[in-house]
């Protein structure tokens, strides 16, 4: 998770636990989704959230710079843009937090 988001969650944990809350992560490594979700947010937020989802991810190769493309190709083996967003899970997240 981005450092700024993690800092925000930790700095505002008391306020966040007073509100309806849905948490999600995006990513392409499907087998690691549940573990990544647990590692992404403080335990107190995970316990409070009414919905927790891993919603998939995408690589848009055309939007990456040279070095980003090189890393994505080397690490993931992806050579063309690919989307694995799970719109059903996104809809579930929204409905579970309304």
PDB file of N, CA and C in Angstrom:
ATOM      1  N   UNK A   1       0.852  -1.166   0.000  1.00  0.00           N
ATOM      2  CA  UNK A   1       0.000   0.000   0.000  1.00  0.00           C
ATOM      3  C   UNK A   1       0.897   1.228   0.000  1.00  0.00           C
ATOM      4  N   UNK A   2       0.398   2.291  -0.608  1.00  0.00           N
ATOM      5  CA  UNK A   2       1.169   3.514  -0.649  1.00  0.00           C
ATOM      6  C   UNK A   2       1.401   4.042   0.758  1.00  0.00           C
ATOM      7  N   UNK A   3       2.596   4.549   0.973  1.00  0.00           N
ATOM      8  CA  UNK A   3       3.000   5.027   2.287  1.00  0.00           C
ATOM      9  C   UNK A   3       2.044   6.094   2.822  1.00  0.00           C
ATOM     10  N   UNK A   4       1.628   7.021   1.975  1.00  0.00           N
ATOM     11  CA  UNK A   4       0.748   8.103   2.428  1.00  0.00           C
ATOM     12  C   UNK A   4      -0.605   7.579   2.899  1.00  0.00           C
ATOM     13  N   UNK A   5      -1.111   6.560   2.240  1.00  0.00           N
ATOM     14  CA  UNK A   5      -2.396   5.981   2.642  1.00  0.00           C
ATOM     15  C   UNK A   5      -2.252   5.304   4.001  1.00  0.00           C
ATOM     16  N   UNK A   6      -1.176   4.568   4.172  1.00  0.00           N
ATOM     17  CA  UNK A   6      -0.933   3.886   5.448  1.00  0.00           C
ATOM     18  C   UNK A   6      -0.784   4.906   6.579  1.00  0.00           C
ATOM     19  N   UNK A   7      -0.041   5.978   6.324  1.00  0.00           N
ATOM     20  CA  UNK A   7       0.124   7.035   7.325  1.00  0.00           C
ATOM     21  C   UNK A   7      -1.221   7.667   7.665  1.00  0.00           C
ATOM     22  N   UNK A   8      -2.046   7.904   6.648  1.00  0.00           N
ATOM     23  CA  UNK A   8      -3.372   8.481   6.874  1.00  0.00           C
ATOM     24  C   UNK A   8      -4.220   7.563   7.748  1.00  0.00           C
ATOM     25  N   UNK A   9      -4.225   6.288   7.436  1.00  0.00           N
ATOM     26  CA  UNK A   9      -5.013   5.325   8.219  1.00  0.00           C
ATOM     27  C   UNK A   9      -4.576   5.316   9.675  1.00  0.00           C
ATOM     28  N   UNK A  10      -3.280   5.272   9.901  1.00  0.00           N
ATOM     29  CA  UNK A  10      -2.771   5.235  11.271  1.00  0.00           C
ATOM     30  C   UNK A  10      -3.039   6.539  12.012  1.00  0.00           C
ATOM     31  N   UNK A  11      -2.907   7.673  11.329  1.00  0.00           N
ATOM     32  CA  UNK A  11      -3.120   8.969  11.972  1.00  0.00           C
ATOM     33  C   UNK A  11      -4.590   9.227  12.285  1.00  0.00           C
ATOM     34  N   UNK A  12      -5.491   8.601  11.543  1.00  0.00           N
ATOM     35  CA  UNK A  12      -6.926   8.874  11.686  1.00  0.00           C
ATOM     36  C   UNK A  12      -7.737   7.654  12.091  1.00  0.00           C
ATOM     37  N   UNK A  13      -7.093   6.685  12.703  1.00  0.00           N
ATOM     38  CA  UNK A  13      -7.754   5.411  12.983  1.00  0.00           C
ATOM     39  C   UNK A  13      -8.986   5.576  13.869  1.00  0.00           C
ATOM     40  N   UNK A  14      -8.932   6.474  14.836  1.00  0.00           N
ATOM     41  CA  UNK A  14     -10.085   6.658  15.729  1.00  0.00           C
ATOM     42  C   UNK A  14     -11.280   7.216  14.956  1.00  0.00           C
ATOM     43  N   UNK A  15     -11.040   8.203  14.109  1.00  0.00           N
ATOM     44  CA  UNK A  15     -12.129   8.782  13.312  1.00  0.00           C
ATOM     45  C   UNK A  15     -12.669   7.769  12.306  1.00  0.00           C
ATOM     46  N   UNK A  16     -11.775   7.010  11.694  1.00  0.00           N
ATOM     47  CA  UNK A  16     -12.200   6.031  10.694  1.00  0.00           C
ATOM     48  C   UNK A  16     -13.061   4.931  11.307  1.00  0.00           C
ATOM     49  N   UNK A  17     -12.771   4.553  12.543  1.00  0.00           N
ATOM     50  CA  UNK A  17     -13.548   3.485  13.172  1.00  0.00           C
ATOM     51  C   UNK A  17     -14.901   3.973  13.684  1.00  0.00           C
ATOM     52  N   UNK A  18     -15.178   5.255  13.534  1.00  0.00           N
ATOM     53  CA  UNK A  18     -16.495   5.796  13.880  1.00  0.00           C
ATOM     54  C   UNK A  18     -17.419   5.823  12.660  1.00  0.00           C
ATOM     55  N   UNK A  19     -16.907   5.467  11.507  1.00  0.00           N
ATOM     56  CA  UNK A  19     -17.664   5.575  10.254  1.00  0.00           C
ATOM     57  C   UNK A  19     -17.863   4.201   9.615  1.00  0.00           C
ATOM     58  N   UNK A  20     -18.865   4.138   8.703  1.00  0.00           N
ATOM     59  CA  UNK A  20     -19.007   2.932   7.872  1.00  0.00           C
ATOM     60  C   UNK A  20     -17.791   2.895   6.964  1.00  0.00           C
ATOM     61  N   UNK A  21     -17.209   1.733   6.868  1.00  0.00           N
ATOM     62  CA  UNK A  21     -15.929   1.655   6.194  1.00  0.00           C
ATOM     63  C   UNK A  21     -15.826   0.397   5.345  1.00  0.00           C
ATOM     64  N   UNK A  22     -15.388   0.569   4.110  1.00  0.00           N
ATOM     65  CA  UNK A  22     -15.065  -0.541   3.230  1.00  0.00           C
ATOM     66  C   UNK A  22     -13.608  -0.409   2.822  1.00  0.00           C
ATOM     67  N   UNK A  23     -12.880  -1.490   2.845  1.00  0.00           N
ATOM     68  CA  UNK A  23     -11.462  -1.477   2.496  1.00  0.00           C
ATOM     69  C   UNK A  23     -11.220  -2.362   1.283  1.00  0.00           C
ATOM     70  N   UNK A  24     -10.325  -1.920   0.408  1.00  0.00           N
ATOM     71  CA  UNK A  24     -10.001  -2.733  -0.761  1.00  0.00           C
ATOM     72  C   UNK A  24      -8.547  -2.546  -1.143  1.00  0.00           C
ATOM     73  N   UNK A  25      -8.028  -3.525  -1.858  1.00  0.00           N
ATOM     74  CA  UNK A  25      -6.719  -3.424  -2.482  1.00  0.00           C
ATOM     75  C   UNK A  25      -6.856  -3.845  -3.936  1.00  0.00           C
ATOM     76  N   UNK A  26      -5.938  -3.365  -4.741  1.00  0.00           N
ATOM     77  CA  UNK A  26      -5.850  -3.775  -6.143  1.00  0.00           C
ATOM     78  C   UNK A  26      -4.519  -4.497  -6.320  1.00  0.00           C
ATOM     79  N   UNK A  27      -4.506  -5.495  -7.178  1.00  0.00           N
ATOM     80  CA  UNK A  27      -3.266  -6.210  -7.441  1.00  0.00           C
ATOM     81  C   UNK A  27      -3.472  -7.307  -8.458  1.00  0.00           C
ATOM     82  N   UNK A  28      -2.378  -7.806  -8.967  1.00  0.00           N
ATOM     83  CA  UNK A  28      -2.432  -8.836 -10.003  1.00  0.00           C
ATOM     84  C   UNK A  28      -2.031 -10.213  -9.487  1.00  0.00           C
ATOM     85  N   UNK A  29      -1.543 -10.287  -8.258  1.00  0.00           N
ATOM     86  CA  UNK A  29      -1.079 -11.555  -7.698  1.00  0.00           C
ATOM     87  C   UNK A  29      -2.215 -12.197  -6.909  1.00  0.00           C
ATOM     88  N   UNK A  30      -3.129 -12.826  -7.610  1.00  0.00           N
ATOM     89  CA  UNK A  30      -4.350 -13.363  -7.005  1.00  0.00           C
ATOM     90  C   UNK A  30      -4.123 -14.282  -5.804  1.00  0.00           C
ATOM     91  N   UNK A  31      -3.162 -15.199  -5.842  1.00  0.00           N
ATOM     92  CA  UNK A  31      -2.996 -16.081  -4.673  1.00  0.00           C
ATOM     93  C   UNK A  31      -2.641 -15.328  -3.388  1.00  0.00           C
ATOM     94  N   UNK A  32      -2.095 -14.141  -3.510  1.00  0.00           N
ATOM     95  CA  UNK A  32      -1.651 -13.396  -2.328  1.00  0.00           C
ATOM     96  C   UNK A  32      -2.657 -12.346  -1.867  1.00  0.00           C
ATOM     97  N   UNK A  33      -3.836 -12.265  -2.504  1.00  0.00           N
ATOM     98  CA  UNK A  33      -4.778 -11.191  -2.198  1.00  0.00           C
ATOM     99  C   UNK A  33      -5.145 -11.117  -0.720  1.00  0.00           C
ATOM    100  N   UNK A  34      -5.539 -12.223  -0.132  1.00  0.00           N
ATOM    101  CA  UNK A  34      -6.005 -12.185   1.260  1.00  0.00           C
ATOM    102  C   UNK A  34      -4.886 -11.755   2.204  1.00  0.00           C
ATOM    103  N   UNK A  35      -3.708 -12.283   1.984  1.00  0.00           N
ATOM    104  CA  UNK A  35      -2.566 -11.907   2.827  1.00  0.00           C
ATOM    105  C   UNK A  35      -2.210 -10.437   2.623  1.00  0.00           C
ATOM    106  N   UNK A  36      -2.249  -9.976   1.382  1.00  0.00           N
ATOM    107  CA  UNK A  36      -1.955  -8.573   1.088  1.00  0.00           C
ATOM    108  C   UNK A  36      -2.967  -7.650   1.762  1.00  0.00           C
ATOM    109  N   UNK A  37      -4.218  -8.040   1.757  1.00  0.00           N
ATOM    110  CA  UNK A  37      -5.260  -7.246   2.410  1.00  0.00           C
ATOM    111  C   UNK A  37      -4.970  -7.130   3.905  1.00  0.00           C
ATOM    112  N   UNK A  38      -4.604  -8.237   4.519  1.00  0.00           N
ATOM    113  CA  UNK A  38      -4.277  -8.223   5.952  1.00  0.00           C
ATOM    114  C   UNK A  38      -3.062  -7.348   6.243  1.00  0.00           C
ATOM    115  N   UNK A  39      -2.087  -7.362   5.338  1.00  0.00           N
ATOM    116  CA  UNK A  39      -0.872  -6.573   5.539  1.00  0.00           C
ATOM    117  C   UNK A  39      -1.053  -5.096   5.200  1.00  0.00           C
ATOM    118  N   UNK A  40      -2.085  -4.774   4.436  1.00  0.00           N
ATOM    119  CA  UNK A  40      -2.254  -3.415   3.943  1.00  0.00           C
ATOM    120  C   UNK A  40      -2.848  -2.458   4.967  1.00  0.00           C
ATOM    121  N   UNK A  41      -3.670  -2.975   5.881  1.00  0.00           N
ATOM    122  CA  UNK A  41      -4.405  -2.107   6.789  1.00  0.00           C
ATOM    123  C   UNK A  41      -4.181  -2.518   8.235  1.00  0.00           C
ATOM    124  N   UNK A  42      -4.257  -1.538   9.158  1.00  0.00           N
ATOM    125  CA  UNK A  42      -4.156  -1.877  10.581  1.00  0.00           C
ATOM    126  C   UNK A  42      -5.268  -2.850  10.983  1.00  0.00           C
ATOM    127  N   UNK A  43      -4.958  -3.747  11.899  1.00  0.00           N
ATOM    128  CA  UNK A  43      -5.913  -4.768  12.335  1.00  0.00           C
ATOM    129  C   UNK A  43      -7.218  -4.151  12.835  1.00  0.00           C
ATOM    130  N   UNK A  44      -7.109  -3.038  13.543  1.00  0.00           N
ATOM    131  CA  UNK A  44      -8.306  -2.381  14.082  1.00  0.00           C
ATOM    132  C   UNK A  44      -9.257  -1.960  12.953  1.00  0.00           C
ATOM    133  N   UNK A  45      -8.710  -1.467  11.845  1.00  0.00           N
ATOM    134  CA  UNK A  45      -9.557  -1.091  10.700  1.00  0.00           C
ATOM    135  C   UNK A  45     -10.162  -2.320  10.044  1.00  0.00           C
ATOM    136  N   UNK A  46      -9.379  -3.370   9.904  1.00  0.00           N
ATOM    137  CA  UNK A  46      -9.888  -4.603   9.298  1.00  0.00           C
ATOM    138  C   UNK A  46     -11.042  -5.175  10.108  1.00  0.00           C
ATOM    139  N   UNK A  47     -10.921  -5.133  11.427  1.00  0.00           N
ATOM    140  CA  UNK A  47     -11.991  -5.648  12.284  1.00  0.00           C
ATOM    141  C   UNK A  47     -13.248  -4.790  12.179  1.00  0.00           C
ATOM    142  N   UNK A  48     -13.074  -3.490  11.994  1.00  0.00           N
ATOM    143  CA  UNK A  48     -14.206  -2.561  11.950  1.00  0.00           C
ATOM    144  C   UNK A  48     -14.919  -2.542  10.588  1.00  0.00           C
ATOM    145  N   UNK A  49     -14.185  -2.755   9.525  1.00  0.00           N
ATOM    146  CA  UNK A  49     -14.729  -2.591   8.167  1.00  0.00           C
ATOM    147  C   UNK A  49     -15.904  -3.526   7.909  1.00  0.00           C
ATOM    148  N   UNK A  50     -16.949  -2.974   7.291  1.00  0.00           N
ATOM    149  CA  UNK A  50     -18.109  -3.795   6.944  1.00  0.00           C
ATOM    150  C   UNK A  50     -17.860  -4.596   5.670  1.00  0.00           C
ATOM    151  N   UNK A  51     -16.856  -4.198   4.903  1.00  0.00           N
ATOM    152  CA  UNK A  51     -16.517  -4.921   3.682  1.00  0.00           C
ATOM    153  C   UNK A  51     -15.014  -4.839   3.455  1.00  0.00           C
ATOM    154  N   UNK A  52     -14.427  -5.960   3.047  1.00  0.00           N
ATOM    155  CA  UNK A  52     -12.999  -6.030   2.733  1.00  0.00           C
ATOM    156  C   UNK A  52     -12.867  -6.840   1.448  1.00  0.00           C
ATOM    157  N   UNK A  53     -12.288  -6.249   0.425  1.00  0.00           N
ATOM    158  CA  UNK A  53     -12.196  -6.933  -0.866  1.00  0.00           C
ATOM    159  C   UNK A  53     -10.835  -6.710  -1.518  1.00  0.00           C
ATOM    160  N   UNK A  54     -10.402  -7.707  -2.239  1.00  0.00           N
ATOM    161  CA  UNK A  54      -9.303  -7.590  -3.183  1.00  0.00           C
ATOM    162  C   UNK A  54      -9.973  -7.585  -4.550  1.00  0.00           C
ATOM    163  N   UNK A  55      -9.855  -6.480  -5.270  1.00  0.00           N
ATOM    164  CA  UNK A  55     -10.675  -6.279  -6.471  1.00  0.00           C
ATOM    165  C   UNK A  55      -9.920  -6.472  -7.788  1.00  0.00           C
ATOM    166  N   UNK A  56      -8.772  -7.133  -7.736  1.00  0.00           N
ATOM    167  CA  UNK A  56      -8.023  -7.369  -8.966  1.00  0.00           C
ATOM    168  C   UNK A  56      -7.170  -6.169  -9.327  1.00  0.00           C
ATOM    169  N   UNK A  57      -6.704  -6.139 -10.542  1.00  0.00           N
ATOM    170  CA  UNK A  57      -5.844  -5.045 -10.968  1.00  0.00           C
ATOM    171  C   UNK A  57      -5.641  -5.053 -12.462  1.00  0.00           C
ATOM    172  N   UNK A  58      -4.764  -4.180 -12.902  1.00  0.00           N
ATOM    173  CA  UNK A  58      -4.470  -4.127 -14.332  1.00  0.00           C
ATOM    174  C   UNK A  58      -3.098  -3.521 -14.568  1.00  0.00           C
ATOM    175  N   UNK A  59      -2.517  -3.889 -15.685  1.00  0.00           N
ATOM    176  CA  UNK A  59      -1.306  -3.264 -16.187  1.00  0.00           C
ATOM    177  C   UNK A  59      -1.691  -2.577 -17.490  1.00  0.00           C
ATOM    178  N   UNK A  60      -1.488  -1.278 -17.554  1.00  0.00           N
ATOM    179  CA  UNK A  60      -1.713  -0.530 -18.789  1.00  0.00           C
ATOM    180  C   UNK A  60      -0.325  -0.134 -19.288  1.00  0.00           C
ATOM    181  N   UNK A  61       0.222  -0.987 -20.110  1.00  0.00           N
ATOM    182  CA  UNK A  61       1.608  -0.859 -20.555  1.00  0.00           C
ATOM    183  C   UNK A  61       1.871   0.489 -21.221  1.00  0.00           C
ATOM    184  N   UNK A  62       0.921   0.992 -22.003  1.00  0.00           N
ATOM    185  CA  UNK A  62       1.115   2.255 -22.720  1.00  0.00           C
ATOM    186  C   UNK A  62       1.316   3.445 -21.786  1.00  0.00           C
ATOM    187  N   UNK A  63       0.860   3.339 -20.556  1.00  0.00           N
ATOM    188  CA  UNK A  63       0.976   4.457 -19.613  1.00  0.00           C
ATOM    189  C   UNK A  63       2.241   4.384 -18.759  1.00  0.00           C
ATOM    190  N   UNK A  64       3.013   3.320 -18.906  1.00  0.00           N
ATOM    191  CA  UNK A  64       4.225   3.154 -18.109  1.00  0.00           C
ATOM    192  C   UNK A  64       5.428   3.764 -18.814  1.00  0.00           C
ATOM    193  N   UNK A  65       6.373   4.273 -18.019  1.00  0.00           N
ATOM    194  CA  UNK A  65       7.612   4.748 -18.630  1.00  0.00           C
ATOM    195  C   UNK A  65       8.522   3.551 -18.904  1.00  0.00           C
ATOM    196  N   UNK A  66       9.646   3.790 -19.508  1.00  0.00           N
ATOM    197  CA  UNK A  66      10.539   2.709 -19.923  1.00  0.00           C
ATOM    198  C   UNK A  66      10.919   1.796 -18.761  1.00  0.00           C
ATOM    199  N   UNK A  67      11.328   2.386 -17.643  1.00  0.00           N
ATOM    200  CA  UNK A  67      11.780   1.578 -16.502  1.00  0.00           C
ATOM    201  C   UNK A  67      10.633   0.804 -15.864  1.00  0.00           C
ATOM    202  N   UNK A  68       9.453   1.415 -15.787  1.00  0.00           N
ATOM    203  CA  UNK A  68       8.284   0.708 -15.255  1.00  0.00           C
ATOM    204  C   UNK A  68       7.932  -0.485 -16.137  1.00  0.00           C
ATOM    205  N   UNK A  69       7.972  -0.281 -17.451  1.00  0.00           N
ATOM    206  CA  UNK A  69       7.701  -1.384 -18.384  1.00  0.00           C
ATOM    207  C   UNK A  69       8.697  -2.518 -18.186  1.00  0.00           C
ATOM    208  N   UNK A  70       9.953  -2.158 -18.038  1.00  0.00           N
ATOM    209  CA  UNK A  70      11.003  -3.152 -17.845  1.00  0.00           C
ATOM    210  C   UNK A  70      10.747  -3.971 -16.579  1.00  0.00           C
ATOM    211  N   UNK A  71      10.394  -3.305 -15.498  1.00  0.00           N
ATOM    212  CA  UNK A  71      10.133  -3.988 -14.225  1.00  0.00           C
ATOM    213  C   UNK A  71       8.908  -4.890 -14.337  1.00  0.00           C
ATOM    214  N   UNK A  72       7.821  -4.360 -14.913  1.00  0.00           N
ATOM    215  CA  UNK A  72       6.588  -5.150 -15.049  1.00  0.00           C
ATOM    216  C   UNK A  72       6.845  -6.394 -15.889  1.00  0.00           C
ATOM    217  N   UNK A  73       7.534  -6.228 -16.996  1.00  0.00           N
ATOM    218  CA  UNK A  73       7.817  -7.374 -17.866  1.00  0.00           C
ATOM    219  C   UNK A  73       8.691  -8.402 -17.159  1.00  0.00           C
ATOM    220  N   UNK A  74       9.687  -7.931 -16.419  1.00  0.00           N
ATOM    221  CA  UNK A  74      10.612  -8.842 -15.736  1.00  0.00           C
ATOM    222  C   UNK A  74       9.931  -9.580 -14.583  1.00  0.00           C
ATOM    223  N   UNK A  75       9.168  -8.855 -13.778  1.00  0.00           N
ATOM    224  CA  UNK A  75       8.566  -9.444 -12.580  1.00  0.00           C
ATOM    225  C   UNK A  75       7.334 -10.281 -12.903  1.00  0.00           C
ATOM    226  N   UNK A  76       6.463  -9.754 -13.771  1.00  0.00           N
ATOM    227  CA  UNK A  76       5.180 -10.430 -14.014  1.00  0.00           C
ATOM    228  C   UNK A  76       5.144 -11.233 -15.305  1.00  0.00           C
ATOM    229  N   UNK A  77       6.046 -10.935 -16.206  1.00  0.00           N
ATOM    230  CA  UNK A  77       6.022 -11.607 -17.497  1.00  0.00           C
ATOM    231  C   UNK A  77       4.996 -11.023 -18.456  1.00  0.00           C
ATOM    232  N   UNK A  78       4.297  -9.974 -18.030  1.00  0.00           N
ATOM    233  CA  UNK A  78       3.271  -9.339 -18.861  1.00  0.00           C
ATOM    234  C   UNK A  78       3.944  -8.471 -19.912  1.00  0.00           C
ATOM    235  N   UNK A  79       3.551  -8.648 -21.163  1.00  0.00           N
ATOM    236  CA  UNK A  79       4.133  -7.871 -22.255  1.00  0.00           C
ATOM    237  C   UNK A  79       3.116  -6.952 -22.915  1.00  0.00           C
ATOM    238  N   UNK A  80       1.845  -7.196 -22.661  1.00  0.00           N
ATOM    239  CA  UNK A  80       0.773  -6.371 -23.218  1.00  0.00           C
ATOM    240  C   UNK A  80      -0.148  -5.945 -22.088  1.00  0.00           C
ATOM    241  N   UNK A  81      -0.891  -4.872 -22.313  1.00  0.00           N
ATOM    242  CA  UNK A  81      -1.849  -4.409 -21.310  1.00  0.00           C
ATOM    243  C   UNK A  81      -2.834  -5.518 -20.978  1.00  0.00           C
ATOM    244  N   UNK A  82      -3.157  -5.631 -19.690  1.00  0.00           N
ATOM    245  CA  UNK A  82      -4.082  -6.660 -19.233  1.00  0.00           C
ATOM    246  C   UNK A  82      -4.881  -6.103 -18.058  1.00  0.00           C
ATOM    247  N   UNK A  83      -6.164  -6.452 -18.016  1.00  0.00           N
ATOM    248  CA  UNK A  83      -7.023  -6.025 -16.911  1.00  0.00           C
ATOM    249  C   UNK A  83      -7.681  -7.244 -16.283  1.00  0.00           C
ATOM    250  N   UNK A  84      -7.552  -7.341 -14.972  1.00  0.00           N
ATOM    251  CA  UNK A  84      -8.207  -8.404 -14.215  1.00  0.00           C
ATOM    252  C   UNK A  84      -9.032  -7.792 -13.083  1.00  0.00           C
ATOM    253  N   UNK A  85      -9.599  -6.620 -13.352  1.00  0.00           N
ATOM    254  CA  UNK A  85     -10.463  -5.997 -12.351  1.00  0.00           C
ATOM    255  C   UNK A  85     -11.714  -6.838 -12.184  1.00  0.00           C
ATOM    256  N   UNK A  86     -12.130  -7.033 -10.938  1.00  0.00           N
ATOM    257  CA  UNK A  86     -13.308  -7.836 -10.627  1.00  0.00           C
ATOM    258  C   UNK A  86     -14.459  -6.892 -10.278  1.00  0.00           C
ATOM    259  N   UNK A  87     -15.243  -6.539 -11.289  1.00  0.00           N
ATOM    260  CA  UNK A  87     -16.313  -5.560 -11.098  1.00  0.00           C
ATOM    261  C   UNK A  87     -17.422  -6.084 -10.192  1.00  0.00           C
ATOM    262  N   UNK A  88     -17.609  -7.388 -10.122  1.00  0.00           N
ATOM    263  CA  UNK A  88     -18.583  -7.948  -9.176  1.00  0.00           C
ATOM    264  C   UNK A  88     -18.156  -7.661  -7.741  1.00  0.00           C
ATOM    265  N   UNK A  89     -16.876  -7.824  -7.450  1.00  0.00           N
ATOM    266  CA  UNK A  89     -16.386  -7.531  -6.097  1.00  0.00           C
ATOM    267  C   UNK A  89     -16.466  -6.038  -5.793  1.00  0.00           C
ATOM    268  N   UNK A  90     -16.238  -5.207  -6.789  1.00  0.00           N
ATOM    269  CA  UNK A  90     -16.358  -3.759  -6.586  1.00  0.00           C
ATOM    270  C   UNK A  90     -17.800  -3.405  -6.245  1.00  0.00           C
ATOM    271  N   UNK A  91     -18.750  -3.988  -6.970  1.00  0.00           N
ATOM    272  CA  UNK A  91     -20.175  -3.743  -6.668  1.00  0.00           C
ATOM    273  C   UNK A  91     -20.541  -4.259  -5.275  1.00  0.00           C
ATOM    274  N   UNK A  92     -20.018  -5.424  -4.904  1.00  0.00           N
ATOM    275  CA  UNK A  92     -20.269  -5.964  -3.561  1.00  0.00           C
ATOM    276  C   UNK A  92     -19.736  -5.017  -2.491  1.00  0.00           C
ATOM    277  N   UNK A  93     -18.544  -4.505  -2.701  1.00  0.00           N
ATOM    278  CA  UNK A  93     -17.939  -3.574  -1.753  1.00  0.00           C
ATOM    279  C   UNK A  93     -18.836  -2.362  -1.548  1.00  0.00           C
ATOM    280  N   UNK A  94     -19.321  -1.818  -2.638  1.00  0.00           N
ATOM    281  CA  UNK A  94     -20.195  -0.643  -2.561  1.00  0.00           C
ATOM    282  C   UNK A  94     -21.485  -0.984  -1.828  1.00  0.00           C
ATOM    283  N   UNK A  95     -22.127  -2.075  -2.196  1.00  0.00           N
ATOM    284  CA  UNK A  95     -23.413  -2.415  -1.570  1.00  0.00           C
ATOM    285  C   UNK A  95     -23.249  -2.766  -0.090  1.00  0.00           C
ATOM    286  N   UNK A  96     -22.124  -3.336   0.291  1.00  0.00           N
ATOM    287  CA  UNK A  96     -21.896  -3.707   1.690  1.00  0.00           C
ATOM    288  C   UNK A  96     -21.536  -2.517   2.571  1.00  0.00           C
ATOM    289  N   UNK A  97     -21.217  -1.381   1.961  1.00  0.00           N
ATOM    290  CA  UNK A  97     -20.858  -0.205   2.756  1.00  0.00           C
ATOM    291  C   UNK A  97     -21.885   0.912   2.655  1.00  0.00           C
ATOM    292  N   UNK A  98     -22.983   0.678   1.958  1.00  0.00           N
ATOM    293  CA  UNK A  98     -24.038   1.702   1.847  1.00  0.00           C
ATOM    294  C   UNK A  98     -24.839   1.772   3.122  1.00  0.00           C
TER     295      UNK A  98
END
